[in-house]
Amino acid sequence: MENSVNNFTNGQVPQEIKKWNWGAFMFNIFWGIGNKSYLPLLCLVPLLNIVWIFVCGAKGNEWAWKNGNYSSPQEFLLVQSTWSRAGLVAFIVAIVLVVLEFLFLGTLLAAIFSSMPR
């Protein structure tokens, strides 16, 4: 009986795997090392990293599938779901922190300017 991974040995990536990966987006370098995908190391290059994090999020699943040893797309998605959940939580926390920082700075600037003599 043929193993289901053999259907994709020609470099084919199953369609259900071709989707956004929050883990590859947020934890690009660590995710890449953990998934034997070393292209995310390009995130260490200044200015390129601004664009490359989005490439990692979009292509990460495909890279991990090609470099991993998974018996089925379901097994792969189960492994990546942990990375994706952690990445999504990190993204939400980062957005909340940025919003809070802007609110704090806005309040601080308003207090400074309101106390200045006219």
PDB file of N, CA and C in Angstrom:
ATOM      1  N   MET A   1       0.840  -1.187   0.000  1.00  0.00           N
ATOM      2  CA  MET A   1       0.000   0.000   0.000  1.00  0.00           C
ATOM      3  C   MET A   1       0.880   1.243   0.000  1.00  0.00           C
ATOM      4  N   GLU A   2       0.552   2.177  -0.838  1.00  0.00           N
ATOM      5  CA  GLU A   2       1.360   3.367  -1.016  1.00  0.00           C
ATOM      6  C   GLU A   2       1.048   4.385   0.076  1.00  0.00           C
ATOM      7  N   ASN A   3       2.100   4.971   0.652  1.00  0.00           N
ATOM      8  CA  ASN A   3       1.951   5.996   1.678  1.00  0.00           C
ATOM      9  C   ASN A   3       1.419   7.272   1.042  1.00  0.00           C
ATOM     10  N   SER A   4       0.567   7.993   1.774  1.00  0.00           N
ATOM     11  CA  SER A   4      -0.058   9.192   1.189  1.00  0.00           C
ATOM     12  C   SER A   4       0.950  10.287   0.898  1.00  0.00           C
ATOM     13  N   VAL A   5       2.088  10.304   1.616  1.00  0.00           N
ATOM     14  CA  VAL A   5       3.084  11.327   1.339  1.00  0.00           C
ATOM     15  C   VAL A   5       3.733  11.097  -0.022  1.00  0.00           C
ATOM     16  N   ASN A   6       3.729   9.862  -0.505  1.00  0.00           N
ATOM     17  CA  ASN A   6       4.310   9.570  -1.810  1.00  0.00           C
ATOM     18  C   ASN A   6       3.564  10.249  -2.943  1.00  0.00           C
ATOM     19  N   ASN A   7       2.341  10.633  -2.740  1.00  0.00           N
ATOM     20  CA  ASN A   7       1.601  11.350  -3.766  1.00  0.00           C
ATOM     21  C   ASN A   7       2.184  12.737  -4.020  1.00  0.00           C
ATOM     22  N   PHE A   8       2.990  13.233  -3.085  1.00  0.00           N
ATOM     23  CA  PHE A   8       3.506  14.591  -3.181  1.00  0.00           C
ATOM     24  C   PHE A   8       5.028  14.627  -3.264  1.00  0.00           C
ATOM     25  N   THR A   9       5.651  13.529  -3.653  1.00  0.00           N
ATOM     26  CA  THR A   9       7.110  13.474  -3.669  1.00  0.00           C
ATOM     27  C   THR A   9       7.728  14.290  -4.798  1.00  0.00           C
ATOM     28  N   ASN A  10       6.985  14.660  -5.783  1.00  0.00           N
ATOM     29  CA  ASN A  10       7.535  15.420  -6.910  1.00  0.00           C
ATOM     30  C   ASN A  10       7.621  16.903  -6.600  1.00  0.00           C
ATOM     31  N   GLY A  11       7.660  17.265  -5.331  1.00  0.00           N
ATOM     32  CA  GLY A  11       7.679  18.665  -4.974  1.00  0.00           C
ATOM     33  C   GLY A  11       6.299  19.270  -4.912  1.00  0.00           C
ATOM     34  N   GLN A  12       5.284  18.450  -5.117  1.00  0.00           N
ATOM     35  CA  GLN A  12       3.911  18.937  -5.032  1.00  0.00           C
ATOM     36  C   GLN A  12       3.569  19.248  -3.588  1.00  0.00           C
ATOM     37  N   VAL A  13       2.831  20.325  -3.397  1.00  0.00           N
ATOM     38  CA  VAL A  13       2.343  20.700  -2.074  1.00  0.00           C
ATOM     39  C   VAL A  13       0.827  20.589  -2.103  1.00  0.00           C
ATOM     40  N   PRO A  14       0.253  19.852  -1.161  1.00  0.00           N
ATOM     41  CA  PRO A  14      -1.208  19.724  -1.139  1.00  0.00           C
ATOM     42  C   PRO A  14      -1.890  21.082  -1.025  1.00  0.00           C
ATOM     43  N   GLN A  15      -3.007  21.224  -1.676  1.00  0.00           N
ATOM     44  CA  GLN A  15      -3.719  22.502  -1.728  1.00  0.00           C
ATOM     45  C   GLN A  15      -4.132  22.986  -0.334  1.00  0.00           C
ATOM     46  N   GLU A  16      -4.517  22.068   0.557  1.00  0.00           N
ATOM     47  CA  GLU A  16      -4.980  22.487   1.884  1.00  0.00           C
ATOM     48  C   GLU A  16      -3.859  23.055   2.748  1.00  0.00           C
ATOM     49  N   ILE A  17      -2.622  22.880   2.316  1.00  0.00           N
ATOM     50  CA  ILE A  17      -1.471  23.407   3.055  1.00  0.00           C
ATOM     51  C   ILE A  17      -1.133  24.830   2.613  1.00  0.00           C
ATOM     52  N   LYS A  18      -1.508  25.191   1.427  1.00  0.00           N
ATOM     53  CA  LYS A  18      -1.166  26.505   0.882  1.00  0.00           C
ATOM     54  C   LYS A  18      -2.050  27.586   1.494  1.00  0.00           C
ATOM     55  N   LYS A  19      -1.692  27.985   2.720  1.00  0.00           N
ATOM     56  CA  LYS A  19      -2.423  29.064   3.374  1.00  0.00           C
ATOM     57  C   LYS A  19      -1.479  29.807   4.307  1.00  0.00           C
ATOM     58  N   TRP A  20      -1.955  30.901   4.845  1.00  0.00           N
ATOM     59  CA  TRP A  20      -1.163  31.782   5.710  1.00  0.00           C
ATOM     60  C   TRP A  20      -0.753  31.050   6.982  1.00  0.00           C
ATOM     61  N   ASN A  21       0.487  31.300   7.425  1.00  0.00           N
ATOM     62  CA  ASN A  21       0.996  30.698   8.653  1.00  0.00           C
ATOM     63  C   ASN A  21       1.444  31.813   9.594  1.00  0.00           C
ATOM     64  N   TRP A  22       0.657  32.037  10.646  1.00  0.00           N
ATOM     65  CA  TRP A  22       0.978  33.100  11.611  1.00  0.00           C
ATOM     66  C   TRP A  22       2.279  32.814  12.343  1.00  0.00           C
ATOM     67  N   GLY A  23       2.596  31.558  12.567  1.00  0.00           N
ATOM     68  CA  GLY A  23       3.847  31.206  13.236  1.00  0.00           C
ATOM     69  C   GLY A  23       5.051  31.611  12.412  1.00  0.00           C
ATOM     70  N   ALA A  24       5.003  31.345  11.122  1.00  0.00           N
ATOM     71  CA  ALA A  24       6.098  31.729  10.229  1.00  0.00           C
ATOM     72  C   ALA A  24       6.194  33.242  10.111  1.00  0.00           C
ATOM     73  N   PHE A  25       5.072  33.929  10.207  1.00  0.00           N
ATOM     74  CA  PHE A  25       5.052  35.391  10.116  1.00  0.00           C
ATOM     75  C   PHE A  25       5.655  36.027  11.364  1.00  0.00           C
ATOM     76  N   MET A  26       5.206  35.609  12.547  1.00  0.00           N
ATOM     77  CA  MET A  26       5.624  36.263  13.783  1.00  0.00           C
ATOM     78  C   MET A  26       6.938  35.719  14.348  1.00  0.00           C
ATOM     79  N   PHE A  27       7.182  34.434  14.225  1.00  0.00           N
ATOM     80  CA  PHE A  27       8.377  33.817  14.801  1.00  0.00           C
ATOM     81  C   PHE A  27       9.301  33.319  13.703  1.00  0.00           C
ATOM     82  N   ASN A  28       9.403  34.087  12.621  1.00  0.00           N
ATOM     83  CA  ASN A  28      10.041  33.642  11.393  1.00  0.00           C
ATOM     84  C   ASN A  28      11.372  32.914  11.578  1.00  0.00           C
ATOM     85  N   ILE A  29      12.308  33.460  12.304  1.00  0.00           N
ATOM     86  CA  ILE A  29      13.621  32.837  12.424  1.00  0.00           C
ATOM     87  C   ILE A  29      13.527  31.532  13.219  1.00  0.00           C
ATOM     88  N   PHE A  30      12.873  31.580  14.383  1.00  0.00           N
ATOM     89  CA  PHE A  30      12.742  30.387  15.219  1.00  0.00           C
ATOM     90  C   PHE A  30      11.888  29.321  14.526  1.00  0.00           C
ATOM     91  N   TRP A  31      10.822  29.780  13.859  1.00  0.00           N
ATOM     92  CA  TRP A  31       9.967  28.866  13.119  1.00  0.00           C
ATOM     93  C   TRP A  31      10.764  28.173  12.011  1.00  0.00           C
ATOM     94  N   GLY A  32      11.569  28.954  11.305  1.00  0.00           N
ATOM     95  CA  GLY A  32      12.358  28.398  10.207  1.00  0.00           C
ATOM     96  C   GLY A  32      13.338  27.342  10.675  1.00  0.00           C
ATOM     97  N   ILE A  33      14.038  27.624  11.768  1.00  0.00           N
ATOM     98  CA  ILE A  33      14.995  26.653  12.301  1.00  0.00           C
ATOM     99  C   ILE A  33      14.252  25.402  12.774  1.00  0.00           C
ATOM    100  N   GLY A  34      13.123  25.586  13.452  1.00  0.00           N
ATOM    101  CA  GLY A  34      12.353  24.458  13.957  1.00  0.00           C
ATOM    102  C   GLY A  34      11.740  23.597  12.871  1.00  0.00           C
ATOM    103  N   ASN A  35      11.544  24.177  11.691  1.00  0.00           N
ATOM    104  CA  ASN A  35      10.934  23.444  10.578  1.00  0.00           C
ATOM    105  C   ASN A  35      11.920  23.150   9.449  1.00  0.00           C
ATOM    106  N   LYS A  36      13.211  23.265   9.727  1.00  0.00           N
ATOM    107  CA  LYS A  36      14.270  22.995   8.752  1.00  0.00           C
ATOM    108  C   LYS A  36      14.092  23.813   7.479  1.00  0.00           C
ATOM    109  N   SER A  37      13.594  25.030   7.639  1.00  0.00           N
ATOM    110  CA  SER A  37      13.411  25.954   6.517  1.00  0.00           C
ATOM    111  C   SER A  37      14.273  27.178   6.807  1.00  0.00           C
ATOM    112  N   TYR A  38      15.331  27.336   6.066  1.00  0.00           N
ATOM    113  CA  TYR A  38      16.303  28.360   6.421  1.00  0.00           C
ATOM    114  C   TYR A  38      16.144  29.667   5.654  1.00  0.00           C
ATOM    115  N   LEU A  39      15.194  29.735   4.736  1.00  0.00           N
ATOM    116  CA  LEU A  39      14.921  31.001   4.052  1.00  0.00           C
ATOM    117  C   LEU A  39      14.440  32.093   5.017  1.00  0.00           C
ATOM    118  N   PRO A  40      13.728  31.770   6.102  1.00  0.00           N
ATOM    119  CA  PRO A  40      13.352  32.824   7.049  1.00  0.00           C
ATOM    120  C   PRO A  40      14.532  33.520   7.710  1.00  0.00           C
ATOM    121  N   LEU A  41      15.730  32.948   7.618  1.00  0.00           N
ATOM    122  CA  LEU A  41      16.906  33.626   8.155  1.00  0.00           C
ATOM    123  C   LEU A  41      17.192  34.932   7.412  1.00  0.00           C
ATOM    124  N   LEU A  42      16.607  35.091   6.226  1.00  0.00           N
ATOM    125  CA  LEU A  42      16.755  36.353   5.501  1.00  0.00           C
ATOM    126  C   LEU A  42      16.080  37.511   6.242  1.00  0.00           C
ATOM    127  N   CYS A  43      15.279  37.184   7.240  1.00  0.00           N
ATOM    128  CA  CYS A  43      14.674  38.238   8.067  1.00  0.00           C
ATOM    129  C   CYS A  43      15.719  38.969   8.898  1.00  0.00           C
ATOM    130  N   LEU A  44      16.927  38.438   8.968  1.00  0.00           N
ATOM    131  CA  LEU A  44      18.012  39.106   9.678  1.00  0.00           C
ATOM    132  C   LEU A  44      18.621  40.241   8.866  1.00  0.00           C
ATOM    133  N   VAL A  45      18.307  40.310   7.574  1.00  0.00           N
ATOM    134  CA  VAL A  45      18.845  41.354   6.705  1.00  0.00           C
ATOM    135  C   VAL A  45      18.005  42.623   6.875  1.00  0.00           C
ATOM    136  N   PRO A  46      18.631  43.721   7.309  1.00  0.00           N
ATOM    137  CA  PRO A  46      17.876  44.963   7.502  1.00  0.00           C
ATOM    138  C   PRO A  46      17.177  45.409   6.208  1.00  0.00           C
ATOM    139  N   LEU A  47      16.030  45.981   6.344  1.00  0.00           N
ATOM    140  CA  LEU A  47      15.141  46.473   5.288  1.00  0.00           C
ATOM    141  C   LEU A  47      14.475  45.346   4.504  1.00  0.00           C
ATOM    142  N   LEU A  48      15.213  44.298   4.180  1.00  0.00           N
ATOM    143  CA  LEU A  48      14.594  43.150   3.506  1.00  0.00           C
ATOM    144  C   LEU A  48      13.581  42.494   4.442  1.00  0.00           C
ATOM    145  N   ASN A  49      13.885  42.523   5.738  1.00  0.00           N
ATOM    146  CA  ASN A  49      13.020  41.845   6.709  1.00  0.00           C
ATOM    147  C   ASN A  49      11.605  42.405   6.731  1.00  0.00           C
ATOM    148  N   ILE A  50      11.436  43.657   6.380  1.00  0.00           N
ATOM    149  CA  ILE A  50      10.105  44.264   6.367  1.00  0.00           C
ATOM    150  C   ILE A  50       9.198  43.552   5.369  1.00  0.00           C
ATOM    151  N   VAL A  51       9.748  43.182   4.248  1.00  0.00           N
ATOM    152  CA  VAL A  51       8.987  42.470   3.218  1.00  0.00           C
ATOM    153  C   VAL A  51       9.014  40.965   3.467  1.00  0.00           C
ATOM    154  N   TRP A  52      10.167  40.468   3.918  1.00  0.00           N
ATOM    155  CA  TRP A  52      10.361  39.028   4.012  1.00  0.00           C
ATOM    156  C   TRP A  52       9.470  38.368   5.058  1.00  0.00           C
ATOM    157  N   ILE A  53       9.075  39.098   6.121  1.00  0.00           N
ATOM    158  CA  ILE A  53       8.181  38.485   7.106  1.00  0.00           C
ATOM    159  C   ILE A  53       6.845  38.114   6.463  1.00  0.00           C
ATOM    160  N   PHE A  54       6.406  38.924   5.502  1.00  0.00           N
ATOM    161  CA  PHE A  54       5.152  38.620   4.799  1.00  0.00           C
ATOM    162  C   PHE A  54       5.330  37.425   3.857  1.00  0.00           C
ATOM    163  N   VAL A  55       6.502  37.327   3.248  1.00  0.00           N
ATOM    164  CA  VAL A  55       6.796  36.168   2.399  1.00  0.00           C
ATOM    165  C   VAL A  55       6.808  34.904   3.259  1.00  0.00           C
ATOM    166  N   CYS A  56       7.397  34.996   4.446  1.00  0.00           N
ATOM    167  CA  CYS A  56       7.427  33.836   5.362  1.00  0.00           C
ATOM    168  C   CYS A  56       6.015  33.413   5.745  1.00  0.00           C
ATOM    169  N   GLY A  57       5.158  34.371   6.044  1.00  0.00           N
ATOM    170  CA  GLY A  57       3.781  34.043   6.403  1.00  0.00           C
ATOM    171  C   GLY A  57       3.033  33.383   5.258  1.00  0.00           C
ATOM    172  N   ALA A  58       3.281  33.855   4.046  1.00  0.00           N
ATOM    173  CA  ALA A  58       2.560  33.334   2.885  1.00  0.00           C
ATOM    174  C   ALA A  58       3.123  31.996   2.381  1.00  0.00           C
ATOM    175  N   LYS A  59       4.425  31.817   2.412  1.00  0.00           N
ATOM    176  CA  LYS A  59       5.050  30.628   1.829  1.00  0.00           C
ATOM    177  C   LYS A  59       5.555  29.644   2.868  1.00  0.00           C
ATOM    178  N   GLY A  60       5.444  29.972   4.144  1.00  0.00           N
ATOM    179  CA  GLY A  60       6.016  29.141   5.195  1.00  0.00           C
ATOM    180  C   GLY A  60       5.527  27.713   5.193  1.00  0.00           C
ATOM    181  N   ASN A  61       4.238  27.509   5.044  1.00  0.00           N
ATOM    182  CA  ASN A  61       3.704  26.143   5.041  1.00  0.00           C
ATOM    183  C   ASN A  61       4.299  25.315   3.915  1.00  0.00           C
ATOM    184  N   GLU A  62       4.449  25.921   2.761  1.00  0.00           N
ATOM    185  CA  GLU A  62       5.014  25.187   1.623  1.00  0.00           C
ATOM    186  C   GLU A  62       6.463  24.794   1.896  1.00  0.00           C
ATOM    187  N   TRP A  63       7.243  25.714   2.459  1.00  0.00           N
ATOM    188  CA  TRP A  63       8.640  25.415   2.776  1.00  0.00           C
ATOM    189  C   TRP A  63       8.726  24.292   3.801  1.00  0.00           C
ATOM    190  N   ALA A  64       7.899  24.390   4.852  1.00  0.00           N
ATOM    191  CA  ALA A  64       7.930  23.382   5.914  1.00  0.00           C
ATOM    192  C   ALA A  64       7.507  22.016   5.379  1.00  0.00           C
ATOM    193  N   TRP A  65       6.512  21.983   4.514  1.00  0.00           N
ATOM    194  CA  TRP A  65       6.063  20.706   3.940  1.00  0.00           C
ATOM    195  C   TRP A  65       7.181  20.063   3.132  1.00  0.00           C
ATOM    196  N   LYS A  66       7.858  20.857   2.306  1.00  0.00           N
ATOM    197  CA  LYS A  66       8.915  20.318   1.452  1.00  0.00           C
ATOM    198  C   LYS A  66      10.125  19.846   2.261  1.00  0.00           C
ATOM    199  N   ASN A  67      10.391  20.494   3.398  1.00  0.00           N
ATOM    200  CA  ASN A  67      11.567  20.142   4.194  1.00  0.00           C
ATOM    201  C   ASN A  67      11.256  19.163   5.324  1.00  0.00           C
ATOM    202  N   GLY A  68       9.983  18.911   5.569  1.00  0.00           N
ATOM    203  CA  GLY A  68       9.606  18.032   6.667  1.00  0.00           C
ATOM    204  C   GLY A  68       9.366  16.611   6.210  1.00  0.00           C
ATOM    205  N   ASN A  69       9.091  15.770   7.169  1.00  0.00           N
ATOM    206  CA  ASN A  69       8.827  14.367   6.886  1.00  0.00           C
ATOM    207  C   ASN A  69       7.462  14.028   7.481  1.00  0.00           C
ATOM    208  N   TYR A  70       6.423  14.467   6.823  1.00  0.00           N
ATOM    209  CA  TYR A  70       5.065  14.291   7.320  1.00  0.00           C
ATOM    210  C   TYR A  70       4.370  13.181   6.545  1.00  0.00           C
ATOM    211  N   SER A  71       3.560  12.403   7.257  1.00  0.00           N
ATOM    212  CA  SER A  71       2.886  11.283   6.609  1.00  0.00           C
ATOM    213  C   SER A  71       1.605  11.704   5.902  1.00  0.00           C
ATOM    214  N   SER A  72       1.047  12.860   6.301  1.00  0.00           N
ATOM    215  CA  SER A  72      -0.192  13.322   5.669  1.00  0.00           C
ATOM    216  C   SER A  72      -0.336  14.821   5.870  1.00  0.00           C
ATOM    217  N   PRO A  73      -1.142  15.461   5.036  1.00  0.00           N
ATOM    218  CA  PRO A  73      -1.419  16.884   5.235  1.00  0.00           C
ATOM    219  C   PRO A  73      -2.074  17.154   6.594  1.00  0.00           C
ATOM    220  N   GLN A  74      -2.868  16.201   7.092  1.00  0.00           N
ATOM    221  CA  GLN A  74      -3.528  16.388   8.387  1.00  0.00           C
ATOM    222  C   GLN A  74      -2.499  16.428   9.513  1.00  0.00           C
ATOM    223  N   GLU A  75      -1.504  15.560   9.449  1.00  0.00           N
ATOM    224  CA  GLU A  75      -0.438  15.568  10.458  1.00  0.00           C
ATOM    225  C   GLU A  75       0.325  16.887  10.398  1.00  0.00           C
ATOM    226  N   PHE A  76       0.620  17.339   9.188  1.00  0.00           N
ATOM    227  CA  PHE A  76       1.328  18.604   9.006  1.00  0.00           C
ATOM    228  C   PHE A  76       0.527  19.758   9.608  1.00  0.00           C
ATOM    229  N   LEU A  77      -0.755  19.824   9.273  1.00  0.00           N
ATOM    230  CA  LEU A  77      -1.589  20.923   9.774  1.00  0.00           C
ATOM    231  C   LEU A  77      -1.736  20.877  11.292  1.00  0.00           C
ATOM    232  N   LEU A  78      -1.725  19.693  11.860  1.00  0.00           N
ATOM    233  CA  LEU A  78      -1.791  19.558  13.312  1.00  0.00           C
ATOM    234  C   LEU A  78      -0.536  20.149  13.962  1.00  0.00           C
ATOM    235  N   VAL A  79       0.618  19.870  13.402  1.00  0.00           N
ATOM    236  CA  VAL A  79       1.874  20.419  13.917  1.00  0.00           C
ATOM    237  C   VAL A  79       1.891  21.936  13.742  1.00  0.00           C
ATOM    238  N   GLN A  80       1.506  22.404  12.565  1.00  0.00           N
ATOM    239  CA  GLN A  80       1.565  23.837  12.289  1.00  0.00           C
ATOM    240  C   GLN A  80       0.488  24.627  13.022  1.00  0.00           C
ATOM    241  N   SER A  81      -0.583  23.976  13.442  1.00  0.00           N
ATOM    242  CA  SER A  81      -1.649  24.707  14.139  1.00  0.00           C
ATOM    243  C   SER A  81      -1.134  25.298  15.452  1.00  0.00           C
ATOM    244  N   THR A  82      -0.219  24.622  16.116  1.00  0.00           N
ATOM    245  CA  THR A  82       0.378  25.162  17.341  1.00  0.00           C
ATOM    246  C   THR A  82       1.174  26.419  17.041  1.00  0.00           C
ATOM    247  N   TRP A  83       1.988  26.361  15.996  1.00  0.00           N
ATOM    248  CA  TRP A  83       2.750  27.539  15.591  1.00  0.00           C
ATOM    249  C   TRP A  83       1.814  28.686  15.203  1.00  0.00           C
ATOM    250  N   SER A  84       0.770  28.368  14.453  1.00  0.00           N
ATOM    251  CA  SER A  84      -0.153  29.405  13.982  1.00  0.00           C
ATOM    252  C   SER A  84      -0.909  30.054  15.139  1.00  0.00           C
ATOM    253  N   ARG A  85      -1.362  29.251  16.082  1.00  0.00           N
ATOM    254  CA  ARG A  85      -2.061  29.817  17.252  1.00  0.00           C
ATOM    255  C   ARG A  85      -1.143  30.736  18.035  1.00  0.00           C
ATOM    256  N   ALA A  86       0.069  30.286  18.287  1.00  0.00           N
ATOM    257  CA  ALA A  86       1.028  31.104  19.035  1.00  0.00           C
ATOM    258  C   ALA A  86       1.362  32.387  18.273  1.00  0.00           C
ATOM    259  N   GLY A  87       1.520  32.279  16.968  1.00  0.00           N
ATOM    260  CA  GLY A  87       1.815  33.458  16.156  1.00  0.00           C
ATOM    261  C   GLY A  87       0.670  34.451  16.133  1.00  0.00           C
ATOM    262  N   LEU A  88      -0.556  33.945  16.038  1.00  0.00           N
ATOM    263  CA  LEU A  88      -1.719  34.833  16.034  1.00  0.00           C
ATOM    264  C   LEU A  88      -1.861  35.537  17.374  1.00  0.00           C
ATOM    265  N   VAL A  89      -1.668  34.813  18.472  1.00  0.00           N
ATOM    266  CA  VAL A  89      -1.732  35.435  19.800  1.00  0.00           C
ATOM    267  C   VAL A  89      -0.647  36.503  19.930  1.00  0.00           C
ATOM    268  N   ALA A  90       0.562  36.200  19.485  1.00  0.00           N
ATOM    269  CA  ALA A  90       1.654  37.186  19.536  1.00  0.00           C
ATOM    270  C   ALA A  90       1.329  38.408  18.696  1.00  0.00           C
ATOM    271  N   PHE A  91       0.705  38.210  17.539  1.00  0.00           N
ATOM    272  CA  PHE A  91       0.337  39.327  16.679  1.00  0.00           C
ATOM    273  C   PHE A  91      -0.700  40.219  17.363  1.00  0.00           C
ATOM    274  N   ILE A  92      -1.714  39.605  17.958  1.00  0.00           N
ATOM    275  CA  ILE A  92      -2.756  40.372  18.646  1.00  0.00           C
ATOM    276  C   ILE A  92      -2.165  41.137  19.828  1.00  0.00           C
ATOM    277  N   VAL A  93      -1.306  40.483  20.602  1.00  0.00           N
ATOM    278  CA  VAL A  93      -0.657  41.152  21.735  1.00  0.00           C
ATOM    279  C   VAL A  93       0.181  42.327  21.244  1.00  0.00           C
ATOM    280  N   ALA A  94       0.908  42.147  20.152  1.00  0.00           N
ATOM    281  CA  ALA A  94       1.728  43.224  19.601  1.00  0.00           C
ATOM    282  C   ALA A  94       0.867  44.410  19.170  1.00  0.00           C
ATOM    283  N   ILE A  95      -0.251  44.150  18.522  1.00  0.00           N
ATOM    284  CA  ILE A  95      -1.147  45.230  18.091  1.00  0.00           C
ATOM    285  C   ILE A  95      -1.711  45.963  19.300  1.00  0.00           C
ATOM    286  N   VAL A  96      -2.145  45.209  20.309  1.00  0.00           N
ATOM    287  CA  VAL A  96      -2.689  45.830  21.528  1.00  0.00           C
ATOM    288  C   VAL A  96      -1.627  46.693  22.189  1.00  0.00           C
ATOM    289  N   LEU A  97      -0.395  46.215  22.270  1.00  0.00           N
ATOM    290  CA  LEU A  97       0.676  46.999  22.882  1.00  0.00           C
ATOM    291  C   LEU A  97       0.981  48.267  22.100  1.00  0.00           C
ATOM    292  N   VAL A  98       0.948  48.183  20.790  1.00  0.00           N
ATOM    293  CA  VAL A  98       1.190  49.385  19.966  1.00  0.00           C
ATOM    294  C   VAL A  98       0.070  50.405  20.187  1.00  0.00           C
ATOM    295  N   VAL A  99      -1.175  49.944  20.219  1.00  0.00           N
ATOM    296  CA  VAL A  99      -2.305  50.851  20.465  1.00  0.00           C
ATOM    297  C   VAL A  99      -2.176  51.498  21.844  1.00  0.00           C
ATOM    298  N   LEU A 100      -1.846  50.699  22.857  1.00  0.00           N
ATOM    299  CA  LEU A 100      -1.674  51.248  24.206  1.00  0.00           C
ATOM    300  C   LEU A 100      -0.524  52.247  24.267  1.00  0.00           C
ATOM    301  N   GLU A 101       0.541  51.982  23.537  1.00  0.00           N
ATOM    302  CA  GLU A 101       1.664  52.914  23.492  1.00  0.00           C
ATOM    303  C   GLU A 101       1.242  54.245  22.880  1.00  0.00           C
ATOM    304  N   PHE A 102       0.495  54.200  21.781  1.00  0.00           N
ATOM    305  CA  PHE A 102       0.019  55.439  21.172  1.00  0.00           C
ATOM    306  C   PHE A 102      -0.924  56.189  22.093  1.00  0.00           C
ATOM    307  N   LEU A 103      -1.794  55.468  22.775  1.00  0.00           N
ATOM    308  CA  LEU A 103      -2.696  56.118  23.734  1.00  0.00           C
ATOM    309  C   LEU A 103      -1.919  56.760  24.867  1.00  0.00           C
ATOM    310  N   PHE A 104      -0.922  56.068  25.383  1.00  0.00           N
ATOM    311  CA  PHE A 104      -0.102  56.608  26.454  1.00  0.00           C
ATOM    312  C   PHE A 104       0.655  57.846  25.998  1.00  0.00           C
ATOM    313  N   LEU A 105       1.284  57.759  24.827  1.00  0.00           N
ATOM    314  CA  LEU A 105       2.031  58.916  24.315  1.00  0.00           C
ATOM    315  C   LEU A 105       1.107  60.085  24.008  1.00  0.00           C
ATOM    316  N   GLY A 106      -0.069  59.809  23.480  1.00  0.00           N
ATOM    317  CA  GLY A 106      -1.032  60.872  23.216  1.00  0.00           C
ATOM    318  C   GLY A 106      -1.483  61.551  24.497  1.00  0.00           C
ATOM    319  N   THR A 107      -1.740  60.754  25.514  1.00  0.00           N
ATOM    320  CA  THR A 107      -2.133  61.313  26.810  1.00  0.00           C
ATOM    321  C   THR A 107      -0.998  62.115  27.414  1.00  0.00           C
ATOM    322  N   LEU A 108       0.215  61.600  27.323  1.00  0.00           N
ATOM    323  CA  LEU A 108       1.381  62.299  27.846  1.00  0.00           C
ATOM    324  C   LEU A 108       1.594  63.630  27.133  1.00  0.00           C
ATOM    325  N   LEU A 109       1.517  63.633  25.821  1.00  0.00           N
ATOM    326  CA  LEU A 109       1.675  64.875  25.054  1.00  0.00           C
ATOM    327  C   LEU A 109       0.555  65.857  25.355  1.00  0.00           C
ATOM    328  N   ALA A 110      -0.666  65.379  25.495  1.00  0.00           N
ATOM    329  CA  ALA A 110      -1.785  66.264  25.839  1.00  0.00           C
ATOM    330  C   ALA A 110      -1.566  66.891  27.206  1.00  0.00           C
ATOM    331  N   ALA A 111      -1.069  66.126  28.149  1.00  0.00           N
ATOM    332  CA  ALA A 111      -0.810  66.664  29.491  1.00  0.00           C
ATOM    333  C   ALA A 111       0.311  67.691  29.448  1.00  0.00           C
ATOM    334  N   ILE A 112       1.347  67.426  28.686  1.00  0.00           N
ATOM    335  CA  ILE A 112       2.470  68.369  28.591  1.00  0.00           C
ATOM    336  C   ILE A 112       2.023  69.663  27.945  1.00  0.00           C
ATOM    337  N   PHE A 113       1.306  69.564  26.822  1.00  0.00           N
ATOM    338  CA  PHE A 113       0.891  70.772  26.116  1.00  0.00           C
ATOM    339  C   PHE A 113      -0.194  71.540  26.856  1.00  0.00           C
ATOM    340  N   SER A 114      -1.009  70.872  27.610  1.00  0.00           N
ATOM    341  CA  SER A 114      -2.062  71.590  28.357  1.00  0.00           C
ATOM    342  C   SER A 114      -1.488  72.317  29.561  1.00  0.00           C
ATOM    343  N   SER A 115      -0.337  71.901  30.048  1.00  0.00           N
ATOM    344  CA  SER A 115       0.259  72.569  31.209  1.00  0.00           C
ATOM    345  C   SER A 115       1.216  73.673  30.814  1.00  0.00           C
ATOM    346  N   MET A 116       1.457  73.851  29.523  1.00  0.00           N
ATOM    347  CA  MET A 116       2.365  74.908  29.058  1.00  0.00           C
ATOM    348  C   MET A 116       1.664  76.259  29.145  1.00  0.00           C
ATOM    349  N   PRO A 117       2.403  77.297  29.588  1.00  0.00           N
ATOM    350  CA  PRO A 117       1.789  78.629  29.640  1.00  0.00           C
ATOM    351  C   PRO A 117       1.545  79.165  28.239  1.00  0.00           C
ATOM    352  N   ARG A 118       0.509  79.953  28.122  1.00  0.00           N
ATOM    353  CA  ARG A 118       0.165  80.509  26.799  1.00  0.00           C
ATOM    354  C   ARG A 118       0.621  81.917  26.663  1.00  0.00           C
TER     355      ARG A 118
END
